[in-house]
Amino acid sequence: MNDLNITRLMEMGFSREDAMGALNQANNDLEKAISYLFGDIHSTDVPEQSVNDQQQLIKYEDTINISNPQDIPNFSELQSSSHDVQQDKGHGLPPPVPPKDNHNQNHNQPDQDAYTATLFNRKQFLENIHKGSAETFDVQSGGMELSDEDDDGSIYDKVANYTRIKSFPPVVLTQRSNYLENHIIPLLVILSQYDKFKSIFLTPEKTNYDYGYSDNWFKHDSDLYGNESKPAFIIELQRMLAFLLPQYSKRSYMSGQLFLRNLPNDLQYDIEHDRIDDLEDLIKKFYYVLHDNTFKEFPNDNISINSLVESTIESLSEKAKNDITVIPIDFESRSLNLFDTLTSLFWSDDETDEDSVGNVQFVNIAPVLTFQLNGDDDGFRVQPFRIDEYFYPEIFSNKYVSVIKEMSTKKRQLIKQRNSITQSIMNFNSFEGKPIKKIMNQSLEFLKGIDQKETDVETKNMIQDVGDLISNIQVKTTNLTNGLHELGAKNLEYDIKNYDNILNYINKHGNEEDRSLPPPKRYALTGIIASDVEYFYKIPSVKSGDNNDNDNIADWVHVTCFTTTDKKVVDFNIDYIQFSIVEDAIIEFTKDSRRQFIFIYIEEDSFNEKEEIEISNELKQFFATDNEVIEKLIKASRIYDESSDEETEDVNKENVPEQEDSHKEQETQEKQQSDQENDEQIEDVNLIDI
């Protein structure tokens, strides 16, 4: 199939699928394909098509009156739905089976020189997704569920795993899976990659509390409780954020239960009394209490939580503004990706609606945007959702609404011109549903078939006239088609459903009010919460950008927790992966309608901006004490192991003489038995001789 013909049809306003279908029906003949798309299906000598292929793309009024319209069957019910719904439950990402003795934290090391050799195996990853796993995988909650015999004790008793491995991030664990409040932990881990967020809580002046110390502070059952007179919520948040930094703690993992137990009372009350409806409601309320408690504790701070996470959306038709921290995307509102989804939510899908653009718009856009992709209670396979690694939300703001309107107006003008040219082409190709060109060709063949001797001057003139008419129709159709081609190219340029078109238009033209309008800020996807025990986040230290070499850098971390059948978290797994792996995972995950996700986007320049994070001596001393405890425990564990090895070796040495004596005694017995058998044989021979 000729790609040029496909492009020309697409430039005329047809979709790629329709263009390919028409060219296929017309044996790659562009003119016949155009006739087919204009509804003149009889002009192509092809077999009868299915009902789905006979959708009329451009409506026209038929001048033939039908006397019995009630007897015409309705084929619309036979049309296929927008997506094929199957009662086939999807599979999540099955992580590798965890090791028996330690958590899997030592493969896929992010060594810059060994990225190619140590990246997560993409082929194996996709095979695992499609074939599932021998272990039980919870499709709705994510994570890996292990059988009871695989549970070899608490991870907090494995002293050998206490020490943090260089270049690997620490992990904050929950006690059990499938609890709504657990999602706060991965949310904070993702936000902790953002220095501006950490700087709100971690400065020497803000971290001068008495943090106490207990040997089991990092466990689920920690007895390190905050004094009621102190802001326990802020203290435990600071302890967790400082723990996630690379320079203070040597511990590789901690429990998040101590932090969750010290959530503010109003949030705790809502959780305990089931007053939180869903994940969106939880995160909204958490952002609220986080802002409120931070403001109470640090009232003179220049930056607040709301300034980072709260955006404002305005509806002009309803004359209303709403401050919003979580942008929900209902299951029914999903499109192929985030941009297409927001295009439908902020603008109308109807390109002829002049009032659609700008009716709903961002008035203020926070540096952090939190999206919730909602699921459906019924489990069935749906069209997957493709995540955008980069996103330009300012396109939907009042700052750029004039640009979008300008492009939309020009596109509508082009549509009117295109419809006019299309109608002219139709008029040249058909009349009252009958193919003109075919009739003209048949007439010409008939006239030419008349005996030349009997052909009079009038008939010859008719042949000449019909031939000229066919040529004129061909020339005019070609010219009109070329005009459609030119309009199609401009039409694509003004298509506001495409990021690149909008960005290119802003760079070239700005808008009528401000021709020097700067390009919109780019937001980067920085975190995905797939469940309370599985999430992904981006490492800010790896430089991002348009360089193709960055495509092979494993700058994403995938964290998965392992649970027993009773949902107890017993182990975890960390992988450094490329974004393409993350993309494939989300595509597979979103095929299951039940699953919901949180996507965190952060303004890219702000995300990559580095700030020195410094804490007080009090908090430093806490981790210094803990590091000493870890070293002592590791040393004691090694001494115990060496002592056990020496005892085993001594026992083996003591057993060596006994084994040698036993061996000699056995050899003596065997020799005596052999001598006795020889004597008996000699005696038998002597008896025979006698």
Foldseek 3Di string as FASTA:
>chain_A
DDPVLLLLVVLLPDDSVLSVLLCVQQVNDSVSSLCVQQQLPVVGPGDDDDPQNNDRPDDDDFPDDDPCPVPDDDCPVVHDDPWDWDADFFFFFDDDDADQQAFAFPALQQDVVCLVVGFDDLVVRVVCRVVPDPFDADLAFGFTADAPVSQPDFNVVRLVQFFADPRTFAEAAEFFFDALLLQVRQVLVLCLLFVVVLQLQFDAVNFPDQQDADLQQQELPDPRADDPVDLQLSNLSNLVSVSRDDPFFRTRYGYCNNNVVNQDPVLVVCRVVVVQDHNQSNVQVSLVSQQVVSCVSCVPDPDTSCLAQWWKKAAQVVRDIDIDREAEQELVQDDQEDLLSVCVVQFPPDLVDLPRQPRMATAGDHLKYKYKYAFDPDWIFDQFHFYDQKDFRCCRHPLNSQLLSVLSVVLVVLVVVSVVLSVVLVVLQDDSSHGPLVVLVVVLVVLVPPPPVPDDPVSVVVNVVSVVSNVVSVVSNVVSSVVSSVSSVSNVLSDPSDPVSSQVCCVCQNGPVDRPDDGTFMWGWAWKDQHSFKIKGFNLVDDDDDDPVLQSRQRMKIKGFYHYPVRGTRHIHIRRHGVVSVRVSSRSSRSIRRTMMMIMIGRNVSSNDDDDRHYHVSSSVRSVVNNVVSVVVVVVVVVVVVVVVVVVVVVVVVCVVVVVVVVVVVVVVVVVVVVVVVVVVVVVVVVVVD
